[in-house]
Amino acid sequence: AVFAGHLHQRFSVTYGEDVAAPDHSVTVLQVGTATSHRRRD
């Protein structure tokens, strides 16, 4: 997994299949802002 922020949006993405490791993918985990009023909907 990769843990990331910046976008103030919650979602996950998988990466890696058929790129470098055909039988493995990396999950990119994004979270929104925890405590800011800059919520971006």
All heavy atoms as atom14 arrays in JSON, in Angstrom:
{
  "sequence": "AVFAGHLHQRFSVTYGEDVAAPDHSVTVLQVGTATSHRRRD",
  "atom14_mask": [
    [1, 1, 1, 1, 1, 0, 0, 0, 0, 0, 0, 0, 0, 0],
    [1, 1, 1, 1, 1, 1, 1, 0, 0, 0, 0, 0, 0, 0],
    [1, 1, 1, 1, 1, 1, 1, 1, 1, 1, 1, 0, 0, 0],
    [1, 1, 1, 1, 1, 0, 0, 0, 0, 0, 0, 0, 0, 0],
    [1, 1, 1, 1, 0, 0, 0, 0, 0, 0, 0, 0, 0, 0],
    [1, 1, 1, 1, 1, 1, 1, 1, 1, 1, 0, 0, 0, 0],
    [1, 1, 1, 1, 1, 1, 1, 1, 0, 0, 0, 0, 0, 0],
    [1, 1, 1, 1, 1, 1, 1, 1, 1, 1, 0, 0, 0, 0],
    [1, 1, 1, 1, 1, 1, 1, 1, 1, 0, 0, 0, 0, 0],
    [1, 1, 1, 1, 1, 1, 1, 1, 1, 1, 1, 0, 0, 0],
    [1, 1, 1, 1, 1, 1, 1, 1, 1, 1, 1, 0, 0, 0],
    [1, 1, 1, 1, 1, 1, 0, 0, 0, 0, 0, 0, 0, 0],
    [1, 1, 1, 1, 1, 1, 1, 0, 0, 0, 0, 0, 0, 0],
    [1, 1, 1, 1, 1, 1, 1, 0, 0, 0, 0, 0, 0, 0],
    [1, 1, 1, 1, 1, 1, 1, 1, 1, 1, 1, 1, 0, 0],
    [1, 1, 1, 1, 0, 0, 0, 0, 0, 0, 0, 0, 0, 0],
    [1, 1, 1, 1, 1, 1, 1, 1, 1, 0, 0, 0, 0, 0],
    [1, 1, 1, 1, 1, 1, 1, 1, 0, 0, 0, 0, 0, 0],
    [1, 1, 1, 1, 1, 1, 1, 0, 0, 0, 0, 0, 0, 0],
    [1, 1, 1, 1, 1, 0, 0, 0, 0, 0, 0, 0, 0, 0],
    [1, 1, 1, 1, 1, 0, 0, 0, 0, 0, 0, 0, 0, 0],
    [1, 1, 1, 1, 1, 1, 1, 0, 0, 0, 0, 0, 0, 0],
    [1, 1, 1, 1, 1, 1, 1, 1, 0, 0, 0, 0, 0, 0],
    [1, 1, 1, 1, 1, 1, 1, 1, 1, 1, 0, 0, 0, 0],
    [1, 1, 1, 1, 1, 1, 0, 0, 0, 0, 0, 0, 0, 0],
    [1, 1, 1, 1, 1, 1, 1, 0, 0, 0, 0, 0, 0, 0],
    [1, 1, 1, 1, 1, 1, 1, 0, 0, 0, 0, 0, 0, 0],
    [1, 1, 1, 1, 1, 1, 1, 0, 0, 0, 0, 0, 0, 0],
    [1, 1, 1, 1, 1, 1, 1, 1, 0, 0, 0, 0, 0, 0],
    [1, 1, 1, 1, 1, 1, 1, 1, 1, 0, 0, 0, 0, 0],
    [1, 1, 1, 1, 1, 1, 1, 0, 0, 0, 0, 0, 0, 0],
    [1, 1, 1, 1, 0, 0, 0, 0, 0, 0, 0, 0, 0, 0],
    [1, 1, 1, 1, 1, 1, 1, 0, 0, 0, 0, 0, 0, 0],
    [1, 1, 1, 1, 1, 0, 0, 0, 0, 0, 0, 0, 0, 0],
    [1, 1, 1, 1, 1, 1, 1, 0, 0, 0, 0, 0, 0, 0],
    [1, 1, 1, 1, 1, 1, 0, 0, 0, 0, 0, 0, 0, 0],
    [1, 1, 1, 1, 1, 1, 1, 1, 1, 1, 0, 0, 0, 0],
    [1, 1, 1, 1, 1, 1, 1, 1, 1, 1, 1, 0, 0, 0],
    [1, 1, 1, 1, 1, 1, 1, 1, 1, 1, 1, 0, 0, 0],
    [1, 1, 1, 1, 1, 1, 1, 1, 1, 1, 1, 0, 0, 0],
    [1, 1, 1, 1, 1, 1, 1, 1, 0, 0, 0, 0, 0, 0]
  ],
  "atom14_positions": [
    [[0.82, -1.21, 0.0], [0.0, 0.0, 0.0], [0.85, 1.26, 0.0], [2.0, 1.27, 0.42], [-0.92, 0.0, 1.22], [0.0, 0.0, 0.0], [0.0, 0.0, 0.0], [0.0, 0.0, 0.0], [0.0, 0.0, 0.0], [0.0, 0.0, 0.0], [0.0, 0.0, 0.0], [0.0, 0.0, 0.0], [0.0, 0.0, 0.0], [0.0, 0.0, 0.0]],
    [[0.22, 2.32, -0.49], [0.74, 3.68, -0.37], [-0.3, 4.49, 0.39], [-1.49, 4.45, 0.05], [0.98, 4.33, -1.75], [1.36, 5.81, -1.57], [2.06, 3.59, -2.51], [0.0, 0.0, 0.0], [0.0, 0.0, 0.0], [0.0, 0.0, 0.0], [0.0, 0.0, 0.0], [0.0, 0.0, 0.0], [0.0, 0.0, 0.0], [0.0, 0.0, 0.0]],
    [[0.12, 5.21, 1.42], [-0.76, 6.11, 2.17], [-0.47, 7.54, 1.73], [0.68, 7.98, 1.8], [-0.52, 5.97, 3.67], [-0.88, 4.64, 4.25], [0.04, 3.61, 4.29], [-2.15, 4.41, 4.76], [-0.28, 2.38, 4.84], [-2.49, 3.19, 5.31], [-1.56, 2.16, 5.34], [0.0, 0.0, 0.0], [0.0, 0.0, 0.0], [0.0, 0.0, 0.0]],
    [[-1.5, 8.27, 1.29], [-1.28, 9.62, 0.77], [-2.45, 10.53, 1.12], [-3.51, 10.08, 1.57], [-1.07, 9.57, -0.75], [0.0, 0.0, 0.0], [0.0, 0.0, 0.0], [0.0, 0.0, 0.0], [0.0, 0.0, 0.0], [0.0, 0.0, 0.0], [0.0, 0.0, 0.0], [0.0, 0.0, 0.0], [0.0, 0.0, 0.0], [0.0, 0.0, 0.0]],
    [[-2.26, 11.82, 0.87], [-3.29, 12.82, 1.14], [-3.34, 13.86, 0.04], [-3.39, 13.52, -1.13], [0.0, 0.0, 0.0], [0.0, 0.0, 0.0], [0.0, 0.0, 0.0], [0.0, 0.0, 0.0], [0.0, 0.0, 0.0], [0.0, 0.0, 0.0], [0.0, 0.0, 0.0], [0.0, 0.0, 0.0], [0.0, 0.0, 0.0], [0.0, 0.0, 0.0]],
    [[-3.33, 15.15, 0.42], [-3.24, 16.3, -0.47], [-4.54, 16.62, -1.22], [-4.89, 17.79, -1.35], [-2.11, 16.09, -1.48], [-1.81, 17.29, -2.33], [-1.38, 18.5, -1.81], [-1.88, 17.49, -3.68], [-1.2, 19.36, -2.77], [-1.5, 18.79, -3.92], [0.0, 0.0, 0.0], [0.0, 0.0, 0.0], [0.0, 0.0, 0.0], [0.0, 0.0, 0.0]],
    [[-5.24, 15.63, -1.72], [-6.42, 15.88, -2.54], [-7.67, 16.21, -1.72], [-8.66, 16.68, -2.28], [-6.71, 14.67, -3.43], [-5.62, 14.28, -4.43], [-6.01, 12.99, -5.15], [-5.41, 15.4, -5.44], [0.0, 0.0, 0.0], [0.0, 0.0, 0.0], [0.0, 0.0, 0.0], [0.0, 0.0, 0.0], [0.0, 0.0, 0.0], [0.0, 0.0, 0.0]],
    [[-7.65, 15.91, -0.43], [-8.83, 16.07, 0.42], [-10.0, 15.23, -0.12], [-11.16, 15.65, -0.04], [-9.25, 17.54, 0.54], [-8.26, 18.4, 1.24], [-8.6, 19.57, 1.88], [-6.91, 18.28, 1.41], [-7.51, 20.14, 2.39], [-6.48, 19.37, 2.12], [0.0, 0.0, 0.0], [0.0, 0.0, 0.0], [0.0, 0.0, 0.0], [0.0, 0.0, 0.0]],
    [[-9.68, 14.05, -0.63], [-10.68, 13.15, -1.2], [-10.36, 11.73, -0.75], [-9.19, 11.34, -0.61], [-10.66, 13.2, -2.73], [-11.04, 14.55, -3.31], [-12.54, 14.81, -3.27], [-13.32, 13.99, -3.69], [-12.91, 15.96, -2.74], [0.0, 0.0, 0.0], [0.0, 0.0, 0.0], [0.0, 0.0, 0.0], [0.0, 0.0, 0.0], [0.0, 0.0, 0.0]],
    [[-11.41, 10.94, -0.54], [-11.25, 9.57, -0.07], [-11.51, 8.59, -1.21], [-12.58, 8.59, -1.82], [-12.26, 9.31, 1.05], [-12.2, 7.92, 1.65], [-13.28, 7.72, 2.7], [-14.56, 7.36, 2.11], [-15.72, 7.94, 2.39], [-15.76, 8.98, 3.21], [-16.83, 7.52, 1.84], [0.0, 0.0, 0.0], [0.0, 0.0, 0.0], [0.0, 0.0, 0.0]],
    [[-10.5, 7.78, -1.53], [-10.68, 6.72, -2.53], [-9.47, 5.81, -2.51], [-8.46, 6.09, -1.85], [-10.88, 7.31, -3.94], [-9.71, 8.08, -4.47], [-8.68, 7.46, -5.17], [-9.62, 9.46, -4.28], [-7.6, 8.18, -5.66], [-8.54, 10.18, -4.77], [-7.53, 9.54, -5.46], [0.0, 0.0, 0.0], [0.0, 0.0, 0.0], [0.0, 0.0, 0.0]],
    [[-9.55, 4.7, -3.21], [-8.4, 3.82, -3.37], [-8.21, 3.5, -4.84], [-9.15, 3.57, -5.64], [-8.59, 2.51, -2.59], [-9.61, 1.72, -3.18], [0.0, 0.0, 0.0], [0.0, 0.0, 0.0], [0.0, 0.0, 0.0], [0.0, 0.0, 0.0], [0.0, 0.0, 0.0], [0.0, 0.0, 0.0], [0.0, 0.0, 0.0], [0.0, 0.0, 0.0]],
    [[-6.96, 3.2, -5.22], [-6.6, 2.87, -6.59], [-5.62, 1.7, -6.53], [-4.79, 1.63, -5.62], [-5.92, 4.07, -7.29], [-5.51, 3.72, -8.71], [-6.83, 5.28, -7.3], [0.0, 0.0, 0.0], [0.0, 0.0, 0.0], [0.0, 0.0, 0.0], [0.0, 0.0, 0.0], [0.0, 0.0, 0.0], [0.0, 0.0, 0.0], [0.0, 0.0, 0.0]],
    [[-5.71, 0.79, -7.48], [-4.7, -0.27, -7.56], [-3.81, -0.03, -8.75], [-4.24, 0.46, -9.79], [-5.35, -1.66, -7.68], [-6.23, -1.68, -8.81], [-6.13, -2.0, -6.43], [0.0, 0.0, 0.0], [0.0, 0.0, 0.0], [0.0, 0.0, 0.0], [0.0, 0.0, 0.0], [0.0, 0.0, 0.0], [0.0, 0.0, 0.0], [0.0, 0.0, 0.0]],
    [[-2.53, -0.37, -8.57], [-1.54, -0.17, -9.61], [-0.56, -1.34, -9.61], [-0.2, -1.84, -8.55], [-0.75, 1.12, -9.37], [0.35, 1.38, -10.39], [0.08, 2.12, -11.53], [1.62, 0.87, -10.2], [1.08, 2.35, -12.47], [2.62, 1.09, -11.13], [2.34, 1.83, -12.27], [3.32, 2.04, -13.2], [0.0, 0.0, 0.0], [0.0, 0.0, 0.0]],
    [[-0.14, -1.76, -10.76], [0.92, -2.74, -10.85], [0.63, -3.92, -11.73], [1.54, -4.56, -12.24], [0.0, 0.0, 0.0], [0.0, 0.0, 0.0], [0.0, 0.0, 0.0], [0.0, 0.0, 0.0], [0.0, 0.0, 0.0], [0.0, 0.0, 0.0], [0.0, 0.0, 0.0], [0.0, 0.0, 0.0], [0.0, 0.0, 0.0], [0.0, 0.0, 0.0]],
    [[-0.63, -4.27, -11.9], [-0.95, -5.43, -12.71], [-0.5, -5.21, -14.15], [-0.78, -4.17, -14.76], [-2.46, -5.69, -12.67], [-2.94, -6.04, -11.27], [-4.46, -5.99, -11.14], [-5.1, -5.43, -12.04], [-4.97, -6.51, -10.15], [0.0, 0.0, 0.0], [0.0, 0.0, 0.0], [0.0, 0.0, 0.0], [0.0, 0.0, 0.0], [0.0, 0.0, 0.0]],
    [[0.22, -6.2, -14.7], [0.71, -6.15, -16.08], [1.71, -5.01, -16.31], [1.93, -4.59, -17.44], [-0.45, -6.01, -17.09], [-1.45, -7.15, -16.95], [-1.0, -8.29, -16.72], [-2.64, -6.88, -17.05], [0.0, 0.0, 0.0], [0.0, 0.0, 0.0], [0.0, 0.0, 0.0], [0.0, 0.0, 0.0], [0.0, 0.0, 0.0], [0.0, 0.0, 0.0]],
    [[2.27, -4.5, -15.22], [3.26, -3.43, -15.37], [4.63, -3.93, -14.95], [5.54, -4.04, -15.76], [2.87, -2.18, -14.54], [3.93, -1.1, -14.68], [1.52, -1.66, -15.01], [0.0, 0.0, 0.0], [0.0, 0.0, 0.0], [0.0, 0.0, 0.0], [0.0, 0.0, 0.0], [0.0, 0.0, 0.0], [0.0, 0.0, 0.0], [0.0, 0.0, 0.0]],
    [[4.79, -4.24, -13.68], [6.08, -4.74, -13.2], [5.93, -6.09, -12.51], [6.86, -6.87, -12.49], [6.7, -3.73, -12.24], [0.0, 0.0, 0.0], [0.0, 0.0, 0.0], [0.0, 0.0, 0.0], [0.0, 0.0, 0.0], [0.0, 0.0, 0.0], [0.0, 0.0, 0.0], [0.0, 0.0, 0.0], [0.0, 0.0, 0.0], [0.0, 0.0, 0.0]],
    [[4.78, -6.34, -11.94], [4.54, -7.59, -11.21], [3.14, -8.07, -11.58], [2.16, -7.66, -10.97], [4.66, -7.36, -9.71], [0.0, 0.0, 0.0], [0.0, 0.0, 0.0], [0.0, 0.0, 0.0], [0.0, 0.0, 0.0], [0.0, 0.0, 0.0], [0.0, 0.0, 0.0], [0.0, 0.0, 0.0], [0.0, 0.0, 0.0], [0.0, 0.0, 0.0]],
    [[3.02, -8.92, -12.59], [1.71, -9.32, -13.1], [0.79, -9.94, -12.05], [-0.43, -9.86, -12.18], [2.05, -10.33, -14.19], [3.43, -9.97, -14.62], [4.13, -9.49, -13.38], [0.0, 0.0, 0.0], [0.0, 0.0, 0.0], [0.0, 0.0, 0.0], [0.0, 0.0, 0.0], [0.0, 0.0, 0.0], [0.0, 0.0, 0.0], [0.0, 0.0, 0.0]],
    [[1.37, -10.54, -11.0], [0.54, -11.18, -9.99], [0.43, -10.37, -8.71], [0.05, -10.88, -7.66], [1.08, -12.58, -9.67], [2.51, -12.52, -9.11], [3.17, -11.48, -9.32], [2.93, -13.49, -8.48], [0.0, 0.0, 0.0], [0.0, 0.0, 0.0], [0.0, 0.0, 0.0], [0.0, 0.0, 0.0], [0.0, 0.0, 0.0], [0.0, 0.0, 0.0]],
    [[0.79, -9.08, -8.78], [0.74, -8.25, -7.58], [0.38, -6.82, -7.95], [0.81, -6.31, -8.98], [2.1, -8.24, -6.86], [2.12, -7.4, -5.62], [1.57, -7.82, -4.43], [2.6, -6.15, -5.39], [1.72, -6.88, -3.52], [2.35, -5.85, -4.08], [0.0, 0.0, 0.0], [0.0, 0.0, 0.0], [0.0, 0.0, 0.0], [0.0, 0.0, 0.0]],
    [[-0.4, -6.16, -7.12], [-0.72, -4.76, -7.33], [-0.57, -3.99, -6.03], [-0.7, -4.56, -4.94], [-2.15, -4.58, -7.87], [-3.09, -5.1, -6.95], [0.0, 0.0, 0.0], [0.0, 0.0, 0.0], [0.0, 0.0, 0.0], [0.0, 0.0, 0.0], [0.0, 0.0, 0.0], [0.0, 0.0, 0.0], [0.0, 0.0, 0.0], [0.0, 0.0, 0.0]],
    [[-0.25, -2.71, -6.15], [-0.12, -1.81, -5.01], [-1.42, -1.05, -4.85], [-1.95, -0.51, -5.82], [1.05, -0.83, -5.22], [1.22, 0.08, -4.01], [2.34, -1.58, -5.52], [0.0, 0.0, 0.0], [0.0, 0.0, 0.0], [0.0, 0.0, 0.0], [0.0, 0.0, 0.0], [0.0, 0.0, 0.0], [0.0, 0.0, 0.0], [0.0, 0.0, 0.0]],
    [[-1.93, -0.97, -3.64], [-3.14, -0.19, -3.37], [-2.76, 1.19, -2.88], [-2.05, 1.33, -1.87], [-4.01, -0.88, -2.31], [-4.36, -2.2, -2.74], [-5.3, -0.09, -2.07], [0.0, 0.0, 0.0], [0.0, 0.0, 0.0], [0.0, 0.0, 0.0], [0.0, 0.0, 0.0], [0.0, 0.0, 0.0], [0.0, 0.0, 0.0], [0.0, 0.0, 0.0]],
    [[-3.18, 2.22, -3.6], [-2.94, 3.6, -3.19], [-4.16, 4.06, -2.4], [-5.28, 4.09, -2.92], [-2.71, 4.51, -4.42], [-2.48, 5.95, -3.96], [-1.53, 4.01, -5.24], [0.0, 0.0, 0.0], [0.0, 0.0, 0.0], [0.0, 0.0, 0.0], [0.0, 0.0, 0.0], [0.0, 0.0, 0.0], [0.0, 0.0, 0.0], [0.0, 0.0, 0.0]],
    [[-3.94, 4.4, -1.14], [-5.03, 4.77, -0.23], [-5.0, 6.28, 0.02], [-4.04, 6.8, 0.6], [-4.89, 4.02, 1.1], [-4.93, 2.5, 1.01], [-4.56, 1.88, 2.35], [-6.3, 2.03, 0.57], [0.0, 0.0, 0.0], [0.0, 0.0, 0.0], [0.0, 0.0, 0.0], [0.0, 0.0, 0.0], [0.0, 0.0, 0.0], [0.0, 0.0, 0.0]],
    [[-6.03, 6.95, -0.39], [-6.17, 8.4, -0.18], [-7.24, 8.65, 0.89], [-8.27, 7.97, 0.9], [-6.6, 9.08, -1.48], [-5.6, 9.02, -2.6], [-4.5, 10.04, -2.51], [-3.43, 9.88, -3.09], [-4.74, 11.11, -1.75], [0.0, 0.0, 0.0], [0.0, 0.0, 0.0], [0.0, 0.0, 0.0], [0.0, 0.0, 0.0], [0.0, 0.0, 0.0]],
    [[-6.99, 9.61, 1.76], [-7.99, 10.04, 2.73], [-8.23, 11.54, 2.56], [-7.39, 12.27, 2.06], [-7.59, 9.73, 4.19], [-7.56, 8.24, 4.44], [-6.24, 10.37, 4.52], [0.0, 0.0, 0.0], [0.0, 0.0, 0.0], [0.0, 0.0, 0.0], [0.0, 0.0, 0.0], [0.0, 0.0, 0.0], [0.0, 0.0, 0.0], [0.0, 0.0, 0.0]],
    [[-9.4, 11.98, 3.01], [-9.72, 13.4, 2.98], [-9.08, 14.12, 4.15], [-8.3, 13.56, 4.92], [0.0, 0.0, 0.0], [0.0, 0.0, 0.0], [0.0, 0.0, 0.0], [0.0, 0.0, 0.0], [0.0, 0.0, 0.0], [0.0, 0.0, 0.0], [0.0, 0.0, 0.0], [0.0, 0.0, 0.0], [0.0, 0.0, 0.0], [0.0, 0.0, 0.0]],
    [[-9.4, 15.38, 4.3], [-8.89, 16.13, 5.44], [-9.62, 15.7, 6.71], [-10.84, 15.53, 6.71], [-9.03, 17.64, 5.23], [-8.63, 18.33, 6.44], [-10.45, 18.05, 4.89], [0.0, 0.0, 0.0], [0.0, 0.0, 0.0], [0.0, 0.0, 0.0], [0.0, 0.0, 0.0], [0.0, 0.0, 0.0], [0.0, 0.0, 0.0], [0.0, 0.0, 0.0]],
    [[-8.86, 15.55, 7.78], [-9.47, 15.11, 9.04], [-10.12, 16.26, 9.8], [-11.21, 16.1, 10.34], [-8.42, 14.44, 9.91], [0.0, 0.0, 0.0], [0.0, 0.0, 0.0], [0.0, 0.0, 0.0], [0.0, 0.0, 0.0], [0.0, 0.0, 0.0], [0.0, 0.0, 0.0], [0.0, 0.0, 0.0], [0.0, 0.0, 0.0], [0.0, 0.0, 0.0]],
    [[-9.48, 17.43, 9.81], [-9.92, 18.47, 10.74], [-10.06, 19.86, 10.12], [-10.39, 20.8, 10.82], [-8.93, 18.57, 11.91], [-7.62, 18.81, 11.4], [-8.9, 17.28, 12.71], [0.0, 0.0, 0.0], [0.0, 0.0, 0.0], [0.0, 0.0, 0.0], [0.0, 0.0, 0.0], [0.0, 0.0, 0.0], [0.0, 0.0, 0.0], [0.0, 0.0, 0.0]],
    [[-9.8, 20.01, 8.83], [-9.85, 21.32, 8.2], [-11.24, 21.64, 7.66], [-12.0, 20.74, 7.29], [-8.83, 21.39, 7.05], [-8.98, 22.58, 6.31], [0.0, 0.0, 0.0], [0.0, 0.0, 0.0], [0.0, 0.0, 0.0], [0.0, 0.0, 0.0], [0.0, 0.0, 0.0], [0.0, 0.0, 0.0], [0.0, 0.0, 0.0], [0.0, 0.0, 0.0]],
    [[-11.53, 22.93, 7.54], [-12.79, 23.35, 6.9], [-12.68, 23.31, 5.37], [-13.67, 23.52, 4.67], [-13.2, 24.75, 7.37], [-12.19, 25.82, 7.1], [-11.89, 26.29, 5.84], [-11.4, 26.52, 7.96], [-10.97, 27.23, 5.91], [-10.64, 27.4, 7.19], [0.0, 0.0, 0.0], [0.0, 0.0, 0.0], [0.0, 0.0, 0.0], [0.0, 0.0, 0.0]],
    [[-11.5, 23.01, 4.84], [-11.3, 22.91, 3.39], [-11.67, 21.49, 2.93], [-10.83, 20.68, 2.59], [-9.85, 23.25, 3.03], [-9.43, 24.64, 3.47], [-7.95, 24.88, 3.23], [-7.67, 24.83, 1.79], [-6.51, 24.44, 1.28], [-5.56, 24.01, 2.09], [-6.32, 24.45, -0.02], [0.0, 0.0, 0.0], [0.0, 0.0, 0.0], [0.0, 0.0, 0.0]],
    [[-12.95, 21.2, 2.95], [-13.42, 19.83, 2.76], [-13.57, 19.4, 1.31], [-13.64, 18.22, 1.01], [-14.76, 19.65, 3.49], [-14.62, 19.56, 4.99], [-15.96, 19.47, 5.68], [-16.5, 20.8, 5.94], [-16.28, 21.48, 7.06], [-15.51, 20.97, 8.01], [-16.79, 22.68, 7.24], [0.0, 0.0, 0.0], [0.0, 0.0, 0.0], [0.0, 0.0, 0.0]],
    [[-13.67, 20.31, 0.39], [-13.83, 20.0, -1.03], [-14.98, 19.01, -1.28], [-14.81, 17.97, -1.92], [-12.53, 19.47, -1.62], [-11.4, 20.51, -1.6], [-10.14, 20.04, -2.29], [-9.08, 21.02, -2.09], [-7.8, 20.72, -1.86], [-7.41, 19.46, -1.82], [-6.91, 21.67, -1.7], [0.0, 0.0, 0.0], [0.0, 0.0, 0.0], [0.0, 0.0, 0.0]],
    [[-16.12, 19.34, -0.73], [-17.36, 18.59, -0.97], [-17.33, 17.17, -0.43], [-18.11, 16.31, -0.88], [-17.71, 18.56, -2.47], [-17.94, 19.95, -3.03], [-18.52, 20.78, -2.31], [-17.51, 20.22, -4.17], [0.0, 0.0, 0.0], [0.0, 0.0, 0.0], [0.0, 0.0, 0.0], [0.0, 0.0, 0.0], [0.0, 0.0, 0.0], [0.0, 0.0, 0.0]]
  ]
}
